[in-house]
PDB file of N, CA and C in Angstrom:
ATOM      1  N   MET A   1      29.694  -5.008 -80.451  1.00  0.00           N
ATOM      2  CA  MET A   1      30.419  -3.777 -80.234  1.00  0.00           C
ATOM      3  C   MET A   1      31.348  -3.465 -81.400  1.00  0.00           C
ATOM      4  N   ALA A   2      32.001  -4.500 -81.934  1.00  0.00           N
ATOM      5  CA  ALA A   2      32.918  -4.293 -83.049  1.00  0.00           C
ATOM      6  C   ALA A   2      32.173  -3.857 -84.301  1.00  0.00           C
ATOM      7  N   SER A   3      30.952  -4.379 -84.498  1.00  0.00           N
ATOM      8  CA  SER A   3      30.189  -3.997 -85.685  1.00  0.00           C
ATOM      9  C   SER A   3      29.750  -2.539 -85.612  1.00  0.00           C
ATOM     10  N   VAL A   4      29.476  -2.046 -84.409  1.00  0.00           N
ATOM     11  CA  VAL A   4      29.097  -0.644 -84.239  1.00  0.00           C
ATOM     12  C   VAL A   4      30.272   0.259 -84.604  1.00  0.00           C
ATOM     13  N   ARG A   5      31.468  -0.093 -84.202  1.00  0.00           N
ATOM     14  CA  ARG A   5      32.653   0.703 -84.526  1.00  0.00           C
ATOM     15  C   ARG A   5      32.899   0.737 -86.028  1.00  0.00           C
ATOM     16  N   LYS A   6      32.725  -0.403 -86.685  1.00  0.00           N
ATOM     17  CA  LYS A   6      32.935  -0.449 -88.130  1.00  0.00           C
ATOM     18  C   LYS A   6      31.913   0.417 -88.847  1.00  0.00           C
ATOM     19  N   GLN A   7      30.668   0.411 -88.377  1.00  0.00           N
ATOM     20  CA  GLN A   7      29.645   1.242 -89.002  1.00  0.00           C
ATOM     21  C   GLN A   7      29.947   2.721 -88.790  1.00  0.00           C
ATOM     22  N   ALA A   8      30.418   3.068 -87.606  1.00  0.00           N
ATOM     23  CA  ALA A   8      30.745   4.467 -87.327  1.00  0.00           C
ATOM     24  C   ALA A   8      31.902   4.932 -88.203  1.00  0.00           C
ATOM     25  N   LEU A   9      32.907   4.094 -88.380  1.00  0.00           N
ATOM     26  CA  LEU A   9      34.027   4.453 -89.244  1.00  0.00           C
ATOM     27  C   LEU A   9      33.583   4.563 -90.693  1.00  0.00           C
ATOM     28  N   ARG A  10      32.714   3.677 -91.116  1.00  0.00           N
ATOM     29  CA  ARG A  10      32.202   3.722 -92.484  1.00  0.00           C
ATOM     30  C   ARG A  10      31.418   5.017 -92.699  1.00  0.00           C
ATOM     31  N   PHE A  11      30.634   5.418 -91.707  1.00  0.00           N
ATOM     32  CA  PHE A  11      29.875   6.658 -91.806  1.00  0.00           C
ATOM     33  C   PHE A  11      30.819   7.862 -91.853  1.00  0.00           C
ATOM     34  N   ALA A  12      31.876   7.841 -91.061  1.00  0.00           N
ATOM     35  CA  ALA A  12      32.822   8.961 -91.009  1.00  0.00           C
ATOM     36  C   ALA A  12      33.565   9.126 -92.325  1.00  0.00           C
ATOM     37  N   GLU A  13      33.784   8.064 -93.045  1.00  0.00           N
ATOM     38  CA  GLU A  13      34.488   8.154 -94.324  1.00  0.00           C
ATOM     39  C   GLU A  13      33.659   8.842 -95.389  1.00  0.00           C
ATOM     40  N   ASN A  14      32.339   8.824 -95.261  1.00  0.00           N
ATOM     41  CA  ASN A  14      31.461   9.393 -96.279  1.00  0.00           C
ATOM     42  C   ASN A  14      31.060  10.837 -95.982  1.00  0.00           C
ATOM     43  N   LEU A  15      31.685  11.468 -95.011  1.00  0.00           N
ATOM     44  CA  LEU A  15      31.336  12.843 -94.679  1.00  0.00           C
ATOM     45  C   LEU A  15      31.806  13.796 -95.774  1.00  0.00           C
ATOM     46  N   THR A  16      31.014  14.803 -96.040  1.00  0.00           N
ATOM     47  CA  THR A  16      31.373  15.841 -97.003  1.00  0.00           C
ATOM     48  C   THR A  16      31.194  17.203 -96.337  1.00  0.00           C
ATOM     49  N   LEU A  17      31.770  18.219 -96.933  1.00  0.00           N
ATOM     50  CA  LEU A  17      31.595  19.576 -96.430  1.00  0.00           C
ATOM     51  C   LEU A  17      30.165  20.036 -96.664  1.00  0.00           C
ATOM     52  N   PRO A  18      29.602  20.806 -95.745  1.00  0.00           N
ATOM     53  CA  PRO A  18      28.269  21.358 -95.987  1.00  0.00           C
ATOM     54  C   PRO A  18      28.326  22.379 -97.116  1.00  0.00           C
ATOM     55  N   THR A  19      27.215  22.530 -97.826  1.00  0.00           N
ATOM     56  CA  THR A  19      27.205  23.477 -98.942  1.00  0.00           C
ATOM     57  C   THR A  19      27.090  24.917 -98.461  1.00  0.00           C
ATOM     58  N   PHE A  20      26.603  25.125 -97.258  1.00  0.00           N
ATOM     59  CA  PHE A  20      26.461  26.471 -96.707  1.00  0.00           C
ATOM     60  C   PHE A  20      27.432  26.616 -95.546  1.00  0.00           C
ATOM     61  N   GLN A  21      28.286  27.639 -95.592  1.00  0.00           N
ATOM     62  CA  GLN A  21      29.262  27.842 -94.528  1.00  0.00           C
ATOM     63  C   GLN A  21      29.244  29.288 -94.051  1.00  0.00           C
ATOM     64  N   VAL A  22      29.593  29.463 -92.790  1.00  0.00           N
ATOM     65  CA  VAL A  22      29.724  30.784 -92.177  1.00  0.00           C
ATOM     66  C   VAL A  22      31.162  30.924 -91.688  1.00  0.00           C
ATOM     67  N   ILE A  23      31.814  31.993 -92.105  1.00  0.00           N
ATOM     68  CA  ILE A  23      33.197  32.258 -91.706  1.00  0.00           C
ATOM     69  C   ILE A  23      33.219  33.588 -90.958  1.00  0.00           C
ATOM     70  N   VAL A  24      33.807  33.572 -89.768  1.00  0.00           N
ATOM     71  CA  VAL A  24      33.949  34.788 -88.964  1.00  0.00           C
ATOM     72  C   VAL A  24      35.437  35.087 -88.847  1.00  0.00           C
ATOM     73  N   MET A  25      35.812  36.288 -89.270  1.00  0.00           N
ATOM     74  CA  MET A  25      37.218  36.707 -89.218  1.00  0.00           C
ATOM     75  C   MET A  25      37.348  37.937 -88.342  1.00  0.00           C
ATOM     76  N   ASN A  26      38.355  37.943 -87.500  1.00  0.00           N
ATOM     77  CA  ASN A  26      38.683  39.147 -86.742  1.00  0.00           C
ATOM     78  C   ASN A  26      39.605  40.002 -87.595  1.00  0.00           C
ATOM     79  N   ALA A  27      39.297  41.281 -87.677  1.00  0.00           N
ATOM     80  CA  ALA A  27      40.084  42.184 -88.512  1.00  0.00           C
ATOM     81  C   ALA A  27      40.359  43.469 -87.741  1.00  0.00           C
ATOM     82  N   ASN A  28      41.508  44.038 -87.942  1.00  0.00           N
ATOM     83  CA  ASN A  28      41.871  45.277 -87.281  1.00  0.00           C
ATOM     84  C   ASN A  28      41.372  46.442 -88.126  1.00  0.00           C
ATOM     85  N   MET A  29      40.124  46.840 -87.882  1.00  0.00           N
ATOM     86  CA  MET A  29      39.518  47.946 -88.623  1.00  0.00           C
ATOM     87  C   MET A  29      39.300  49.100 -87.656  1.00  0.00           C
ATOM     88  N   SER A  30      40.011  50.170 -87.874  1.00  0.00           N
ATOM     89  CA  SER A  30      39.917  51.294 -86.951  1.00  0.00           C
ATOM     90  C   SER A  30      39.153  52.482 -87.526  1.00  0.00           C
ATOM     91  N   CYS A  31      38.823  52.440 -88.808  1.00  0.00           N
ATOM     92  CA  CYS A  31      38.133  53.582 -89.406  1.00  0.00           C
ATOM     93  C   CYS A  31      37.150  53.099 -90.475  1.00  0.00           C
ATOM     94  N   SER A  32      36.364  54.018 -90.991  1.00  0.00           N
ATOM     95  CA  SER A  32      35.371  53.662 -92.004  1.00  0.00           C
ATOM     96  C   SER A  32      36.033  53.279 -93.328  1.00  0.00           C
ATOM     97  N   HIS A  33      37.210  53.835 -93.606  1.00  0.00           N
ATOM     98  CA  HIS A  33      37.929  53.486 -94.833  1.00  0.00           C
ATOM     99  C   HIS A  33      38.294  52.004 -94.835  1.00  0.00           C
ATOM    100  N   CYS A  34      38.752  51.499 -93.696  1.00  0.00           N
ATOM    101  CA  CYS A  34      39.113  50.078 -93.590  1.00  0.00           C
ATOM    102  C   CYS A  34      37.889  49.190 -93.782  1.00  0.00           C
ATOM    103  N   SER A  35      36.761  49.574 -93.194  1.00  0.00           N
ATOM    104  CA  SER A  35      35.551  48.762 -93.335  1.00  0.00           C
ATOM    105  C   SER A  35      35.037  48.786 -94.770  1.00  0.00           C
ATOM    106  N   GLN A  36      35.139  49.926 -95.446  1.00  0.00           N
ATOM    107  CA  GLN A  36      34.730  49.998 -96.848  1.00  0.00           C
ATOM    108  C   GLN A  36      35.626  49.130 -97.719  1.00  0.00           C
ATOM    109  N   ARG A  37      36.898  49.108 -97.414  1.00  0.00           N
ATOM    110  CA  ARG A  37      37.842  48.291 -98.177  1.00  0.00           C
ATOM    111  C   ARG A  37      37.549  46.800 -97.988  1.00  0.00           C
ATOM    112  N   ALA A  38      37.286  46.394 -96.747  1.00  0.00           N
ATOM    113  CA  ALA A  38      36.940  44.994 -96.473  1.00  0.00           C
ATOM    114  C   ALA A  38      35.631  44.626 -97.152  1.00  0.00           C
ATOM    115  N   SER A  39      34.661  45.521 -97.116  1.00  0.00           N
ATOM    116  CA  SER A  39      33.372  45.280 -97.758  1.00  0.00           C
ATOM    117  C   SER A  39      33.528  45.129 -99.265  1.00  0.00           C
ATOM    118  N   LYS A  40      34.360  45.946 -99.866  1.00  0.00           N
ATOM    119  CA  LYS A  40      34.593  45.879-101.308  1.00  0.00           C
ATOM    120  C   LYS A  40      35.241  44.551-101.699  1.00  0.00           C
ATOM    121  N   MET A  41      36.202  44.090-100.900  1.00  0.00           N
ATOM    122  CA  MET A  41      36.889  42.834-101.209  1.00  0.00           C
ATOM    123  C   MET A  41      35.953  41.637-101.071  1.00  0.00           C
ATOM    124  N   VAL A  42      35.135  41.614-100.025  1.00  0.00           N
ATOM    125  CA  VAL A  42      34.229  40.493 -99.787  1.00  0.00           C
ATOM    126  C   VAL A  42      33.108  40.473-100.819  1.00  0.00           C
ATOM    127  N   SER A  43      32.641  41.633-101.257  1.00  0.00           N
ATOM    128  CA  SER A  43      31.533  41.687-102.215  1.00  0.00           C
ATOM    129  C   SER A  43      31.907  41.124-103.582  1.00  0.00           C
ATOM    130  N   LYS A  44      33.187  41.059-103.897  1.00  0.00           N
ATOM    131  CA  LYS A  44      33.629  40.542-105.190  1.00  0.00           C
ATOM    132  C   LYS A  44      33.747  39.023-105.218  1.00  0.00           C
ATOM    133  N   MET A  45      33.567  38.374-104.087  1.00  0.00           N
ATOM    134  CA  MET A  45      33.740  36.922-104.015  1.00  0.00           C
ATOM    135  C   MET A  45      32.534  36.192-104.587  1.00  0.00           C
ATOM    136  N   ASN A  46      32.791  35.100-105.301  1.00  0.00           N
ATOM    137  CA  ASN A  46      31.722  34.274-105.847  1.00  0.00           C
ATOM    138  C   ASN A  46      31.119  33.413-104.746  1.00  0.00           C
ATOM    139  N   GLY A  47      29.819  33.200-104.814  1.00  0.00           N
ATOM    140  CA  GLY A  47      29.145  32.332-103.861  1.00  0.00           C
ATOM    141  C   GLY A  47      28.757  33.005-102.565  1.00  0.00           C
ATOM    142  N   THR A  48      29.007  34.306-102.448  1.00  0.00           N
ATOM    143  CA  THR A  48      28.671  35.018-101.222  1.00  0.00           C
ATOM    144  C   THR A  48      27.177  35.312-101.190  1.00  0.00           C
ATOM    145  N   ILE A  49      26.511  34.876-100.135  1.00  0.00           N
ATOM    146  CA  ILE A  49      25.090  35.160 -99.966  1.00  0.00           C
ATOM    147  C   ILE A  49      24.902  36.427 -99.143  1.00  0.00           C
ATOM    148  N   ASP A  50      25.657  36.523 -98.053  1.00  0.00           N
ATOM    149  CA  ASP A  50      25.498  37.644 -97.141  1.00  0.00           C
ATOM    150  C   ASP A  50      26.830  37.899 -96.443  1.00  0.00           C
ATOM    151  N   TYR A  51      27.128  39.147 -96.179  1.00  0.00           N
ATOM    152  CA  TYR A  51      28.317  39.469 -95.400  1.00  0.00           C
ATOM    153  C   TYR A  51      28.040  40.685 -94.533  1.00  0.00           C
ATOM    154  N   VAL A  52      28.708  40.713 -93.388  1.00  0.00           N
ATOM    155  CA  VAL A  52      28.554  41.814 -92.441  1.00  0.00           C
ATOM    156  C   VAL A  52      29.941  42.276 -92.026  1.00  0.00           C
ATOM    157  N   VAL A  53      30.178  43.572 -92.123  1.00  0.00           N
ATOM    158  CA  VAL A  53      31.424  44.162 -91.643  1.00  0.00           C
ATOM    159  C   VAL A  53      31.068  44.933 -90.376  1.00  0.00           C
ATOM    160  N   ASP A  54      31.485  44.401 -89.236  1.00  0.00           N
ATOM    161  CA  ASP A  54      31.144  44.964 -87.932  1.00  0.00           C
ATOM    162  C   ASP A  54      32.366  45.683 -87.359  1.00  0.00           C
ATOM    163  N   ILE A  55      32.325  47.019 -87.371  1.00  0.00           N
ATOM    164  CA  ILE A  55      33.469  47.805 -86.904  1.00  0.00           C
ATOM    165  C   ILE A  55      33.602  47.731 -85.384  1.00  0.00           C
ATOM    166  N   SER A  56      32.482  47.757 -84.666  1.00  0.00           N
ATOM    167  CA  SER A  56      32.554  47.776 -83.200  1.00  0.00           C
ATOM    168  C   SER A  56      33.173  46.502 -82.630  1.00  0.00           C
ATOM    169  N   ASN A  57      32.879  45.346 -83.239  1.00  0.00           N
ATOM    170  CA  ASN A  57      33.473  44.079 -82.782  1.00  0.00           C
ATOM    171  C   ASN A  57      34.721  43.702 -83.565  1.00  0.00           C
ATOM    172  N   LYS A  58      35.068  44.500 -84.570  1.00  0.00           N
ATOM    173  CA  LYS A  58      36.229  44.254 -85.436  1.00  0.00           C
ATOM    174  C   LYS A  58      36.163  42.866 -86.070  1.00  0.00           C
ATOM    175  N   GLN A  59      35.003  42.580 -86.698  1.00  0.00           N
ATOM    176  CA  GLN A  59      34.795  41.279 -87.326  1.00  0.00           C
ATOM    177  C   GLN A  59      34.214  41.437 -88.722  1.00  0.00           C
ATOM    178  N   VAL A  60      34.538  40.448 -89.565  1.00  0.00           N
ATOM    179  CA  VAL A  60      33.909  40.306 -90.875  1.00  0.00           C
ATOM    180  C   VAL A  60      33.248  38.934 -90.868  1.00  0.00           C
ATOM    181  N   ILE A  61      31.927  38.896 -91.089  1.00  0.00           N
ATOM    182  CA  ILE A  61      31.171  37.648 -91.085  1.00  0.00           C
ATOM    183  C   ILE A  61      30.694  37.392 -92.504  1.00  0.00           C
ATOM    184  N   LEU A  62      31.036  36.235 -93.032  1.00  0.00           N
ATOM    185  CA  LEU A  62      30.712  35.878 -94.412  1.00  0.00           C
ATOM    186  C   LEU A  62      29.866  34.617 -94.414  1.00  0.00           C
ATOM    187  N   ARG A  63      28.747  34.645 -95.156  1.00  0.00           N
ATOM    188  CA  ARG A  63      27.902  33.472 -95.338  1.00  0.00           C
ATOM    189  C   ARG A  63      27.852  33.189 -96.827  1.00  0.00           C
ATOM    190  N   GLY A  64      28.073  31.922 -97.183  1.00  0.00           N
ATOM    191  CA  GLY A  64      28.111  31.620 -98.606  1.00  0.00           C
ATOM    192  C   GLY A  64      27.823  30.180 -98.940  1.00  0.00           C
ATOM    193  N   GLU A  65      27.473  29.962-100.192  1.00  0.00           N
ATOM    194  CA  GLU A  65      27.222  28.633-100.745  1.00  0.00           C
ATOM    195  C   GLU A  65      28.496  28.124-101.393  1.00  0.00           C
ATOM    196  N   ILE A  66      28.775  26.860-101.180  1.00  0.00           N
ATOM    197  CA  ILE A  66      29.927  26.235-101.812  1.00  0.00           C
ATOM    198  C   ILE A  66      29.414  25.277-102.868  1.00  0.00           C
ATOM    199  N   MET A  67      29.705  25.570-104.102  1.00  0.00           N
ATOM    200  CA  MET A  67      29.358  24.684-105.207  1.00  0.00           C
ATOM    201  C   MET A  67      30.648  24.073-105.716  1.00  0.00           C
ATOM    202  N   GLU A  68      30.853  22.824-105.381  1.00  0.00           N
ATOM    203  CA  GLU A  68      32.096  22.169-105.735  1.00  0.00           C
ATOM    204  C   GLU A  68      31.873  21.268-106.936  1.00  0.00           C
ATOM    205  N   ASN A  69      32.717  21.395-107.929  1.00  0.00           N
ATOM    206  CA  ASN A  69      32.645  20.562-109.114  1.00  0.00           C
ATOM    207  C   ASN A  69      33.384  19.258-108.835  1.00  0.00           C
ATOM    208  N   PRO A  70      32.685  18.114-108.838  1.00  0.00           N
ATOM    209  CA  PRO A  70      33.366  16.860-108.509  1.00  0.00           C
ATOM    210  C   PRO A  70      34.409  16.445-109.541  1.00  0.00           C
ATOM    211  N   LYS A  71      34.300  16.928-110.770  1.00  0.00           N
ATOM    212  CA  LYS A  71      35.267  16.581-111.811  1.00  0.00           C
ATOM    213  C   LYS A  71      36.568  17.352-111.657  1.00  0.00           C
ATOM    214  N   GLN A  72      36.488  18.501-111.007  1.00  0.00           N
ATOM    215  CA  GLN A  72      37.668  19.347-110.840  1.00  0.00           C
ATOM    216  C   GLN A  72      38.473  18.853-109.647  1.00  0.00           C
ATOM    217  N   LYS A  73      39.743  18.554-109.882  1.00  0.00           N
ATOM    218  CA  LYS A  73      40.606  18.100-108.800  1.00  0.00           C
ATOM    219  C   LYS A  73      41.197  19.316-108.108  1.00  0.00           C
ATOM    220  N   ARG A  74      41.120  19.291-106.780  1.00  0.00           N
ATOM    221  CA  ARG A  74      41.675  20.395-106.012  1.00  0.00           C
ATOM    222  C   ARG A  74      43.079  20.051-105.565  1.00  0.00           C
ATOM    223  N   LYS A  75      43.901  21.073-105.462  1.00  0.00           N
ATOM    224  CA  LYS A  75      45.244  20.898-104.933  1.00  0.00           C
ATOM    225  C   LYS A  75      45.160  20.720-103.420  1.00  0.00           C
ATOM    226  N   HIS A  76      46.227  20.227-102.855  1.00  0.00           N
ATOM    227  CA  HIS A  76      46.283  20.023-101.411  1.00  0.00           C
ATOM    228  C   HIS A  76      46.165  21.360-100.683  1.00  0.00           C
ATOM    229  N   ASN A  77      45.391  21.395 -99.622  1.00  0.00           N
ATOM    230  CA  ASN A  77      45.193  22.569 -98.767  1.00  0.00           C
ATOM    231  C   ASN A  77      44.497  23.722 -99.478  1.00  0.00           C
ATOM    232  N   THR A  78      43.636  23.433-100.434  1.00  0.00           N
ATOM    233  CA  THR A  78      42.843  24.497-101.039  1.00  0.00           C
ATOM    234  C   THR A  78      41.386  24.260-100.695  1.00  0.00           C
ATOM    235  N   SER A  79      40.619  25.311-100.642  1.00  0.00           N
ATOM    236  CA  SER A  79      39.203  25.203-100.331  1.00  0.00           C
ATOM    237  C   SER A  79      38.440  26.134-101.257  1.00  0.00           C
ATOM    238  N   PRO A  80      37.114  25.979-101.324  1.00  0.00           N
ATOM    239  CA  PRO A  80      36.327  26.900-102.144  1.00  0.00           C
ATOM    240  C   PRO A  80      36.465  28.350-101.699  1.00  0.00           C
ATOM    241  N   PHE A  81      36.784  28.579-100.434  1.00  0.00           N
ATOM    242  CA  PHE A  81      36.987  29.924 -99.936  1.00  0.00           C
ATOM    243  C   PHE A  81      38.470  30.260 -99.861  1.00  0.00           C
ATOM    244  N   SER A  82      39.283  29.662-100.729  1.00  0.00           N
ATOM    245  CA  SER A  82      40.729  29.886-100.654  1.00  0.00           C
ATOM    246  C   SER A  82      41.082  31.350-100.883  1.00  0.00           C
ATOM    247  N   PHE A  83      40.322  32.047-101.732  1.00  0.00           N
ATOM    248  CA  PHE A  83      40.574  33.468-101.945  1.00  0.00           C
ATOM    249  C   PHE A  83      40.363  34.237-100.648  1.00  0.00           C
ATOM    250  N   PHE A  84      39.265  33.923 -99.958  1.00  0.00           N
ATOM    251  CA  PHE A  84      38.956  34.603 -98.702  1.00  0.00           C
ATOM    252  C   PHE A  84      40.007  34.301 -97.646  1.00  0.00           C
ATOM    253  N   LEU A  85      40.431  33.048 -97.579  1.00  0.00           N
ATOM    254  CA  LEU A  85      41.449  32.680 -96.608  1.00  0.00           C
ATOM    255  C   LEU A  85      42.791  33.312 -96.967  1.00  0.00           C
ATOM    256  N   GLY A  86      43.013  33.582 -98.248  1.00  0.00           N
ATOM    257  CA  GLY A  86      44.227  34.270 -98.665  1.00  0.00           C
ATOM    258  C   GLY A  86      44.260  35.709 -98.191  1.00  0.00           C
ATOM    259  N   LEU A  87      43.089  36.283 -97.931  1.00  0.00           N
ATOM    260  CA  LEU A  87      43.033  37.650 -97.413  1.00  0.00           C
ATOM    261  C   LEU A  87      43.633  37.739 -96.019  1.00  0.00           C
ATOM    262  N   LEU A  88      43.655  36.620 -95.307  1.00  0.00           N
ATOM    263  CA  LEU A  88      44.242  36.619 -93.970  1.00  0.00           C
ATOM    264  C   LEU A  88      45.718  36.965 -94.012  1.00  0.00           C
ATOM    265  N   LYS A  89      46.371  36.629 -95.113  1.00  0.00           N
ATOM    266  CA  LYS A  89      47.801  36.873 -95.236  1.00  0.00           C
ATOM    267  C   LYS A  89      48.117  38.332 -95.543  1.00  0.00           C
ATOM    268  N   LEU A  90      47.125  39.058 -96.072  1.00  0.00           N
ATOM    269  CA  LEU A  90      47.350  40.463 -96.409  1.00  0.00           C
ATOM    270  C   LEU A  90      47.442  41.297 -95.140  1.00  0.00           C
ATOM    271  N   ARG A  91      48.317  42.220 -95.135  1.00  0.00           N
ATOM    272  CA  ARG A  91      48.457  43.138 -94.010  1.00  0.00           C
ATOM    273  C   ARG A  91      48.215  44.554 -94.532  1.00  0.00           C
ATOM    274  N   PRO A  92      46.934  44.931 -94.707  1.00  0.00           N
ATOM    275  CA  PRO A  92      46.657  46.253 -95.262  1.00  0.00           C
ATOM    276  C   PRO A  92      47.100  47.360 -94.310  1.00  0.00           C
ATOM    277  N   THR A  93      47.543  48.434 -94.888  1.00  0.00           N
ATOM    278  CA  THR A  93      47.989  49.584 -94.115  1.00  0.00           C
ATOM    279  C   THR A  93      47.012  50.721 -94.335  1.00  0.00           C
ATOM    280  N   CYS A  94      46.533  51.259 -93.262  1.00  0.00           N
ATOM    281  CA  CYS A  94      45.594  52.372 -93.339  1.00  0.00           C
ATOM    282  C   CYS A  94      46.327  53.651 -92.955  1.00  0.00           C
ATOM    283  N   TYR A  95      46.252  54.651 -93.823  1.00  0.00           N
ATOM    284  CA  TYR A  95      46.915  55.923 -93.572  1.00  0.00           C
ATOM    285  C   TYR A  95      45.908  57.015 -93.227  1.00  0.00           C
ATOM    286  N   CYS A  96      44.762  56.616 -92.686  1.00  0.00           N
ATOM    287  CA  CYS A  96      43.725  57.593 -92.334  1.00  0.00           C
ATOM    288  C   CYS A  96      44.073  58.357 -91.087  1.00  0.00           C
TER     289      CYS A  96
END
């Protein structure tokens, strides 16, 4: 029993992030201007394979590849999608 636990812990230490990720964000989009703005921001991101801006469900769905350079050291609490996650902090104002 103890050897099984050690193997499980050893396996857990070697886990890495998947190269393909899907991120679903809820966004307050009430008009077509807001959806166009969200679409423009997401389209500029590197590694984006596909994205959907759904006005009826008020969601932005992003699918992308993560290519991480092992030589590059990342700072604490940063991710390959850090730019996208930084968009969560923005509070855009729509004057439509």
